[in-house]
N, C-alpha and C. Protein backbone atom coordinates (compact mmCIF):
# COMPACT_ATOMS: atom_id res chain seq x y z
N MET A 1 84.31 127.67 85.91
CA MET A 1 84.97 126.89 87.32
C MET A 1 85.37 125.75 86.59
N SER A 2 86.82 125.72 86.63
CA SER A 2 87.42 123.95 86.37
C SER A 2 87.12 122.87 88.05
N LYS A 3 86.86 122.04 87.37
CA LYS A 3 86.65 119.94 88.43
C LYS A 3 87.45 119.87 88.17
N THR A 4 87.66 119.33 89.34
CA THR A 4 89.10 117.90 89.15
C THR A 4 88.90 116.78 89.83
N LEU A 5 89.15 115.93 89.58
CA LEU A 5 88.55 114.41 89.84
C LEU A 5 90.30 113.75 90.85
N VAL A 6 90.57 113.83 91.73
CA VAL A 6 91.07 113.26 92.29
C VAL A 6 91.24 111.56 91.98
N SER A 7 91.34 110.51 90.97
CA SER A 7 91.39 109.12 91.07
C SER A 7 92.61 108.56 91.25
N TYR A 8 91.89 106.88 91.57
CA TYR A 8 92.96 106.71 92.23
C TYR A 8 92.80 105.11 92.39
N PHE A 9 94.13 104.28 92.42
CA PHE A 9 94.24 102.94 93.07
C PHE A 9 95.25 102.07 93.87
N SER A 10 94.51 101.60 94.98
CA SER A 10 96.19 101.34 95.24
C SER A 10 95.63 99.65 96.23
N ALA A 11 97.11 99.53 96.40
CA ALA A 11 96.90 97.90 96.94
C ALA A 11 96.77 98.17 98.08
N SER A 12 97.93 98.61 98.92
CA SER A 12 97.38 99.07 99.73
C SER A 12 97.21 99.56 101.33
N GLY A 13 97.24 100.96 100.71
CA GLY A 13 96.73 101.84 100.87
C GLY A 13 97.58 102.87 101.72
N VAL A 14 98.70 103.29 100.94
CA VAL A 14 100.31 103.95 101.51
C VAL A 14 99.30 105.10 100.44
N THR A 15 99.18 104.72 98.57
CA THR A 15 98.37 105.52 97.25
C THR A 15 96.74 106.71 97.94
N ALA A 16 96.40 105.38 98.52
CA ALA A 16 94.71 105.84 98.78
C ALA A 16 95.40 106.97 100.07
N LYS A 17 95.87 106.93 101.10
CA LYS A 17 96.53 107.78 101.81
C LYS A 17 96.91 109.27 101.00
N ALA A 18 97.48 109.48 99.90
CA ALA A 18 97.67 110.16 99.04
C ALA A 18 96.98 110.67 98.56
N ALA A 19 96.13 110.01 98.37
CA ALA A 19 95.18 110.11 97.05
C ALA A 19 93.57 111.02 97.96
N LYS A 20 93.30 110.97 98.95
CA LYS A 20 92.56 111.63 100.43
C LYS A 20 93.24 112.60 100.96
N THR A 21 94.69 112.99 100.62
CA THR A 21 94.55 113.70 101.34
C THR A 21 95.38 115.45 100.10
N LEU A 22 95.72 114.89 98.55
CA LEU A 22 95.82 115.42 97.93
C LEU A 22 94.21 116.04 97.16
N ALA A 23 93.00 115.08 97.60
CA ALA A 23 92.00 115.26 97.20
C ALA A 23 91.26 116.85 98.50
N GLN A 24 91.77 116.72 99.88
CA GLN A 24 91.24 118.22 100.92
C GLN A 24 91.62 119.28 100.16
N ALA A 25 93.22 118.53 99.47
CA ALA A 25 93.96 119.80 99.71
C ALA A 25 92.96 121.20 97.99
N LEU A 26 92.76 119.84 97.70
CA LEU A 26 92.50 120.55 96.05
C LEU A 26 91.52 120.84 96.63
N GLY A 27 90.26 120.50 97.06
CA GLY A 27 89.00 121.22 97.63
C GLY A 27 88.06 119.84 95.52
N ALA A 28 88.80 118.08 95.79
CA ALA A 28 88.67 117.45 94.76
C ALA A 28 88.14 116.91 95.09
N ASP A 29 86.68 116.10 93.65
CA ASP A 29 86.25 115.41 94.19
C ASP A 29 87.24 114.07 93.92
N LEU A 30 86.69 112.12 94.78
CA LEU A 30 87.52 111.15 95.33
C LEU A 30 86.74 110.07 94.19
N TYR A 31 87.70 109.41 93.28
CA TYR A 31 87.15 108.39 92.96
C TYR A 31 88.72 107.47 93.36
N GLU A 32 87.54 106.29 93.63
CA GLU A 32 89.17 105.13 94.44
C GLU A 32 89.01 103.92 93.20
N ILE A 33 89.91 103.46 91.89
CA ILE A 33 90.09 103.01 90.95
C ILE A 33 89.71 101.64 91.56
N LYS A 34 89.29 101.16 91.59
CA LYS A 34 88.86 99.16 92.32
C LYS A 34 89.31 98.28 91.41
N PRO A 35 89.20 96.54 91.48
CA PRO A 35 89.38 96.16 90.81
C PRO A 35 87.89 95.07 91.34
N ALA A 36 87.22 94.47 90.33
CA ALA A 36 86.37 93.67 89.79
C ALA A 36 86.46 92.86 90.78
N THR A 37 87.43 92.05 90.96
CA THR A 37 88.08 91.18 91.84
C THR A 37 89.55 91.70 92.71
N PRO A 38 89.02 92.32 94.31
CA PRO A 38 89.69 92.54 94.88
C PRO A 38 90.73 91.65 95.05
N TYR A 39 92.48 92.17 94.81
CA TYR A 39 93.44 91.63 95.50
C TYR A 39 94.05 91.29 96.06
N THR A 40 94.29 90.08 96.08
CA THR A 40 95.10 89.93 98.45
C THR A 40 96.53 89.08 97.82
N SER A 41 96.93 89.43 99.59
CA SER A 41 97.39 89.14 99.31
C SER A 41 98.44 88.58 98.47
N ASP A 42 98.74 87.44 98.24
CA ASP A 42 99.29 85.98 97.40
C ASP A 42 99.22 86.66 95.52
N ASP A 43 97.88 87.71 95.40
CA ASP A 43 98.12 88.29 93.74
C ASP A 43 99.66 89.52 94.26
N LEU A 44 99.26 89.96 95.37
CA LEU A 44 99.79 91.13 95.24
C LEU A 44 101.62 90.50 95.64
N ASN A 45 102.12 89.24 95.60
CA ASN A 45 103.57 88.87 95.60
C ASN A 45 104.36 88.90 94.64
N TRP A 46 104.96 90.02 94.31
CA TRP A 46 106.06 90.57 93.64
C TRP A 46 107.53 89.34 92.97
N MET A 47 107.22 88.09 93.96
CA MET A 47 107.88 87.15 93.93
C MET A 47 107.68 86.14 93.06
N ASN A 48 106.52 86.41 93.21
CA ASN A 48 106.41 84.76 92.44
C ASN A 48 105.39 85.30 91.86
N LYS A 49 106.31 84.60 90.50
CA LYS A 49 105.93 84.99 88.81
C LYS A 49 104.49 84.51 88.11
N LYS A 50 103.75 83.63 88.76
CA LYS A 50 102.21 83.69 89.08
C LYS A 50 101.73 84.14 89.54
N SER A 51 102.60 85.12 90.29
CA SER A 51 101.04 86.19 91.02
C SER A 51 100.60 87.14 90.15
N ARG A 52 99.10 86.94 90.03
CA ARG A 52 98.01 87.22 89.73
C ARG A 52 98.66 89.35 88.92
N SER A 53 99.79 89.64 90.12
CA SER A 53 100.34 90.97 89.36
C SER A 53 101.16 90.99 88.81
N SER A 54 101.79 89.50 89.20
CA SER A 54 103.22 89.29 88.47
C SER A 54 102.84 89.37 86.80
N VAL A 55 101.65 88.04 86.41
CA VAL A 55 101.27 87.89 84.97
C VAL A 55 100.66 88.78 84.59
N GLU A 56 100.18 89.43 85.34
CA GLU A 56 99.43 90.80 84.51
C GLU A 56 100.98 91.75 83.90
N MET A 57 101.09 92.18 84.61
CA MET A 57 102.66 93.19 84.58
C MET A 57 103.64 92.60 83.58
N ASN A 58 103.13 90.93 83.37
CA ASN A 58 104.03 90.16 82.55
C ASN A 58 103.17 90.15 81.04
N ASP A 59 102.44 90.76 80.98
CA ASP A 59 100.66 91.20 79.31
C ASP A 59 101.06 92.92 80.08
N PRO A 60 101.68 93.12 78.87
CA PRO A 60 100.91 94.54 77.74
C PRO A 60 99.83 94.63 78.16
N ALA A 61 99.34 93.89 77.54
CA ALA A 61 97.44 93.92 76.65
C ALA A 61 96.55 93.31 78.61
N SER A 62 97.45 92.92 79.19
CA SER A 62 96.34 93.11 80.25
C SER A 62 95.38 94.26 80.97
N ARG A 63 93.93 94.25 81.37
CA ARG A 63 93.45 94.84 81.50
C ARG A 63 92.52 95.21 82.50
N PRO A 64 92.95 94.79 83.80
CA PRO A 64 91.52 93.82 84.58
C PRO A 64 90.12 94.88 85.40
N GLU A 65 89.74 94.37 85.25
CA GLU A 65 87.95 95.19 85.26
C GLU A 65 88.20 95.83 86.46
N ILE A 66 87.67 97.16 86.26
CA ILE A 66 86.58 98.27 87.95
C ILE A 66 85.52 97.88 87.94
N ALA A 67 85.59 97.75 88.87
CA ALA A 67 84.12 97.11 90.41
C ALA A 67 83.57 98.64 89.55
N ASP A 68 83.79 99.35 89.47
CA ASP A 68 82.90 100.45 89.51
C ASP A 68 82.64 101.98 88.73
N GLU A 69 82.38 102.82 88.41
CA GLU A 69 82.68 103.77 86.94
C GLU A 69 82.49 105.42 87.78
N VAL A 70 83.44 106.12 86.60
CA VAL A 70 83.05 108.19 87.29
C VAL A 70 81.75 108.63 86.43
N GLY A 71 80.85 108.54 87.83
CA GLY A 71 79.59 109.02 88.09
C GLY A 71 79.43 109.68 86.81
N ASN A 72 80.13 111.22 85.95
CA ASN A 72 79.87 111.91 84.97
C ASN A 72 81.59 112.43 84.33
N MET A 73 82.01 111.66 83.99
CA MET A 73 83.42 112.46 83.49
C MET A 73 83.65 113.98 82.90
N ASP A 74 82.41 113.91 81.62
CA ASP A 74 82.62 115.36 81.18
C ASP A 74 82.49 116.54 82.13
N GLN A 75 82.73 116.34 83.60
CA GLN A 75 82.70 117.20 84.42
C GLN A 75 83.73 117.67 84.36
N TYR A 76 84.81 116.71 85.02
CA TYR A 76 85.96 117.19 85.54
C TYR A 76 86.81 117.92 83.30
N ASP A 77 88.46 118.75 83.93
CA ASP A 77 88.62 119.97 83.80
C ASP A 77 89.88 119.01 83.83
N THR A 78 90.39 118.77 85.16
CA THR A 78 91.57 118.27 85.67
C THR A 78 91.06 117.14 86.40
N VAL A 79 92.00 116.00 85.26
CA VAL A 79 91.95 114.86 86.25
C VAL A 79 93.19 113.43 86.85
N CYS A 80 93.49 113.55 88.18
CA CYS A 80 94.28 113.51 89.13
C CYS A 80 94.65 111.44 88.97
N ILE A 81 95.27 111.74 88.09
CA ILE A 81 95.66 109.54 88.81
C ILE A 81 96.37 109.62 89.58
N GLY A 82 96.66 108.83 90.33
CA GLY A 82 97.82 107.95 91.30
C GLY A 82 97.58 106.56 91.83
N PHE A 83 98.65 105.79 91.69
CA PHE A 83 99.03 103.95 92.06
C PHE A 83 99.90 104.50 92.15
N PRO A 84 100.22 103.43 93.39
CA PRO A 84 101.43 102.31 92.82
C PRO A 84 102.21 102.30 92.07
N ILE A 85 103.94 102.55 92.22
CA ILE A 85 105.04 102.12 90.48
C ILE A 85 105.24 100.84 90.52
N TRP A 86 103.85 99.74 89.34
CA TRP A 86 104.55 98.38 89.37
C TRP A 86 105.72 98.28 88.93
N TRP A 87 106.48 97.24 88.72
CA TRP A 87 107.38 97.23 87.31
C TRP A 87 107.99 97.93 87.01
N TYR A 88 108.01 99.33 87.55
CA TYR A 88 108.40 101.00 87.07
C TYR A 88 108.03 101.39 85.49
N ILE A 89 106.12 101.60 86.16
CA ILE A 89 105.27 101.90 85.23
C ILE A 89 104.17 101.34 86.14
N GLU A 90 103.07 101.85 85.82
CA GLU A 90 101.91 102.03 86.09
C GLU A 90 101.09 100.27 86.04
N PRO A 91 100.12 100.49 87.51
CA PRO A 91 99.19 99.08 87.02
C PRO A 91 98.36 99.36 86.05
N ARG A 92 98.48 97.70 85.44
CA ARG A 92 97.02 97.69 84.23
C ARG A 92 95.92 98.16 84.33
N ILE A 93 95.41 98.06 85.61
CA ILE A 93 94.31 98.70 86.22
C ILE A 93 94.02 100.39 85.89
N ILE A 94 95.37 100.94 85.94
CA ILE A 94 95.66 102.37 85.30
C ILE A 94 95.12 102.46 84.19
N ASP A 95 95.70 101.38 83.18
CA ASP A 95 95.21 101.62 81.79
C ASP A 95 93.86 100.81 81.77
N THR A 96 93.42 100.44 82.21
CA THR A 96 91.82 100.03 81.97
C THR A 96 91.10 101.53 82.44
N PHE A 97 91.45 102.34 82.94
CA PHE A 97 90.61 103.69 83.74
C PHE A 97 90.97 103.66 82.63
N LEU A 98 92.65 104.32 81.67
CA LEU A 98 92.76 105.40 81.38
C LEU A 98 91.49 104.89 79.35
N GLU A 99 91.28 103.95 79.68
CA GLU A 99 91.28 103.30 78.26
C GLU A 99 89.72 103.18 78.17
N SER A 100 89.14 103.13 79.40
CA SER A 100 87.70 103.87 79.91
C SER A 100 86.88 104.82 79.76
N TYR A 101 87.10 105.96 79.29
CA TYR A 101 86.88 107.34 78.91
C TYR A 101 87.15 108.17 78.18
N ASP A 102 86.89 108.87 77.73
CA ASP A 102 87.84 110.29 76.84
C ASP A 102 87.90 111.15 77.41
N PHE A 103 89.38 111.91 77.87
CA PHE A 103 89.85 111.98 78.43
C PHE A 103 90.23 113.25 77.42
N SER A 104 90.12 113.22 76.27
CA SER A 104 89.99 114.74 75.08
C SER A 104 89.63 115.99 75.97
N GLY A 105 90.75 117.32 75.64
CA GLY A 105 90.89 118.22 76.55
C GLY A 105 91.18 117.81 78.52
N LYS A 106 91.32 117.35 78.62
CA LYS A 106 91.40 117.48 79.62
C LYS A 106 92.95 117.40 80.35
N LYS A 107 92.96 118.10 81.39
CA LYS A 107 94.46 117.99 82.74
C LYS A 107 95.13 116.72 82.57
N LEU A 108 95.52 115.82 82.70
CA LEU A 108 96.02 114.20 83.60
C LEU A 108 97.50 114.39 84.70
N VAL A 109 97.04 114.53 85.37
CA VAL A 109 97.74 115.05 86.44
C VAL A 109 98.08 113.06 86.28
N PRO A 110 99.36 112.61 87.11
CA PRO A 110 99.99 111.12 87.24
C PRO A 110 100.61 111.40 88.73
N PHE A 111 100.54 110.75 89.80
CA PHE A 111 100.74 110.52 91.43
C PHE A 111 101.58 108.90 91.44
N ALA A 112 102.09 109.07 91.64
CA ALA A 112 102.88 107.39 92.24
C ALA A 112 102.84 107.57 93.80
N THR A 113 103.03 106.61 93.94
CA THR A 113 104.23 105.87 95.51
C THR A 113 104.81 104.54 95.66
N SER A 114 106.14 104.16 95.44
CA SER A 114 106.84 103.90 95.39
C SER A 114 107.71 103.32 96.84
N GLY A 115 107.78 101.90 96.82
CA GLY A 115 108.70 101.25 97.60
C GLY A 115 109.68 101.65 97.13
N GLY A 116 110.65 102.08 96.00
CA GLY A 116 111.70 101.97 95.56
C GLY A 116 112.21 103.14 94.28
N SER A 117 110.71 102.78 92.76
CA SER A 117 111.46 102.81 92.20
C SER A 117 110.13 105.24 91.28
N GLY A 118 111.60 105.55 90.78
CA GLY A 118 111.66 106.89 90.17
C GLY A 118 109.46 106.92 89.80
N MET A 119 109.84 108.12 89.17
CA MET A 119 108.54 108.86 88.29
C MET A 119 108.94 108.92 86.56
N ALA A 120 109.90 109.35 86.28
CA ALA A 120 110.25 109.37 85.37
C ALA A 120 109.86 108.40 84.28
N ASN A 121 109.94 107.47 84.41
CA ASN A 121 109.51 105.95 83.92
C ASN A 121 107.81 105.88 83.43
N VAL A 122 107.54 106.12 84.23
CA VAL A 122 106.18 105.92 85.08
C VAL A 122 105.40 107.06 83.75
N VAL A 123 105.87 108.50 83.87
CA VAL A 123 105.69 109.45 82.72
C VAL A 123 105.87 109.28 81.74
N LYS A 124 107.19 108.56 81.45
CA LYS A 124 107.71 108.72 79.81
C LYS A 124 106.44 107.35 79.23
N ASN A 125 106.21 105.91 80.08
CA ASN A 125 105.10 105.26 79.67
C ASN A 125 103.94 106.08 79.27
N LEU A 126 103.50 106.55 80.12
CA LEU A 126 101.93 106.77 79.79
C LEU A 126 102.52 107.94 78.31
N ARG A 127 102.87 109.09 78.56
CA ARG A 127 102.64 110.02 77.02
C ARG A 127 103.10 108.45 75.53
N LYS A 128 103.90 107.44 75.80
CA LYS A 128 103.85 106.59 74.79
C LYS A 128 103.07 106.08 74.17
N GLN A 129 101.78 105.61 75.36
CA GLN A 129 100.60 104.96 75.28
C GLN A 129 99.34 104.86 75.16
N TYR A 130 99.89 106.78 75.07
CA TYR A 130 99.06 107.23 75.14
C TYR A 130 99.35 108.89 74.79
N PRO A 131 100.03 108.94 73.95
CA PRO A 131 100.45 110.13 73.15
C PRO A 131 99.26 111.02 73.20
N GLU A 132 98.39 110.98 72.74
CA GLU A 132 96.88 112.03 71.88
C GLU A 132 96.52 112.79 73.48
N LEU A 133 97.04 112.43 74.56
CA LEU A 133 96.42 112.87 76.21
C LEU A 133 97.74 114.36 76.40
N SER A 134 96.56 114.68 77.47
CA SER A 134 97.91 115.93 77.96
C SER A 134 97.77 115.62 78.98
N TRP A 135 99.48 115.10 79.52
CA TRP A 135 100.59 114.87 80.61
C TRP A 135 100.43 115.84 81.11
N GLU A 136 100.60 115.76 82.41
CA GLU A 136 101.98 116.65 83.30
C GLU A 136 102.42 115.85 83.76
N ASP A 137 103.91 115.90 84.12
CA ASP A 137 105.31 115.48 85.07
C ASP A 137 104.89 114.71 85.88
N GLY A 138 104.07 115.06 86.84
CA GLY A 138 103.55 114.28 87.86
C GLY A 138 104.29 113.63 88.82
N LYS A 139 103.79 113.08 89.93
CA LYS A 139 104.90 113.20 90.59
C LYS A 139 104.83 112.60 91.91
N LEU A 140 105.88 111.71 91.99
CA LEU A 140 106.65 110.73 93.20
C LEU A 140 105.50 111.69 94.91
N LEU A 141 104.86 110.56 95.76
CA LEU A 141 104.17 110.95 96.74
C LEU A 141 105.35 110.67 97.39
N ASN A 142 106.37 109.55 98.13
CA ASN A 142 107.31 110.10 99.12
C ASN A 142 107.45 111.41 99.86
N GLY A 143 107.02 111.50 101.36
CA GLY A 143 107.92 112.15 101.49
C GLY A 143 107.48 114.16 101.05
N VAL A 144 106.85 113.88 100.09
CA VAL A 144 105.98 115.11 99.31
C VAL A 144 105.64 116.25 100.30
N ASN A 145 105.22 117.50 100.42
CA ASN A 145 103.97 117.46 101.42
C ASN A 145 103.82 118.31 100.30
N ILE A 146 101.99 116.97 100.75
CA ILE A 146 100.70 116.61 99.48
C ILE A 146 100.66 118.30 98.63
N ALA A 147 99.82 119.43 100.45
CA ALA A 147 98.68 120.44 100.03
C ALA A 147 100.06 121.77 99.80
N GLN A 148 101.41 120.87 99.76
CA GLN A 148 102.19 122.59 99.11
C GLN A 148 101.72 122.14 97.67
N TRP A 149 102.39 120.49 97.22
CA TRP A 149 101.91 120.16 95.78
C TRP A 149 101.66 120.80 94.76
N ALA A 150 100.11 120.46 95.45
CA ALA A 150 98.84 120.82 95.25
C ALA A 150 97.93 122.14 95.38
N LYS A 151 99.08 123.03 95.27
CA LYS A 151 98.78 124.32 95.36
C LYS A 151 99.20 124.56 93.32
N GLU A 152 100.77 123.37 92.71
CA GLU A 152 100.55 123.63 91.74
C GLU A 152 100.07 122.79 90.67
N ILE A 153 98.95 122.37 91.11
CA ILE A 153 97.86 121.40 89.92
C ILE A 153 97.88 122.60 89.87
């Protein structure tokens, strides 16, 4: 029997809500990707080029530290990875997460929330950065029936 993990990073709570709904629909375990240093509202001000999120996103090598680890990643066959879309791609903390574990042989399903960006560039970027991993197309969950989509995973 396959085991699924729904992992997510949420800056404002929108992605967290979607992740919890998805985990419930899948009967999956849930893991929050929490930054070691939580983001403040000033950190998330994308209009300020010196805000923490802007600085991180302008540095492709930035890898914000994660507060906690997944207990036993080996037990999961499918890992859903959720996040808000920042600057048309995944936030750098998602890269930290992806580089912290061995995802070989696992099905990775990205999902995102966004105020206006689509999912195509996100998936393209993930496949380019991590070509050795098995990426599904993923889904932008704005206005989507998450329980219905879960049946496709």
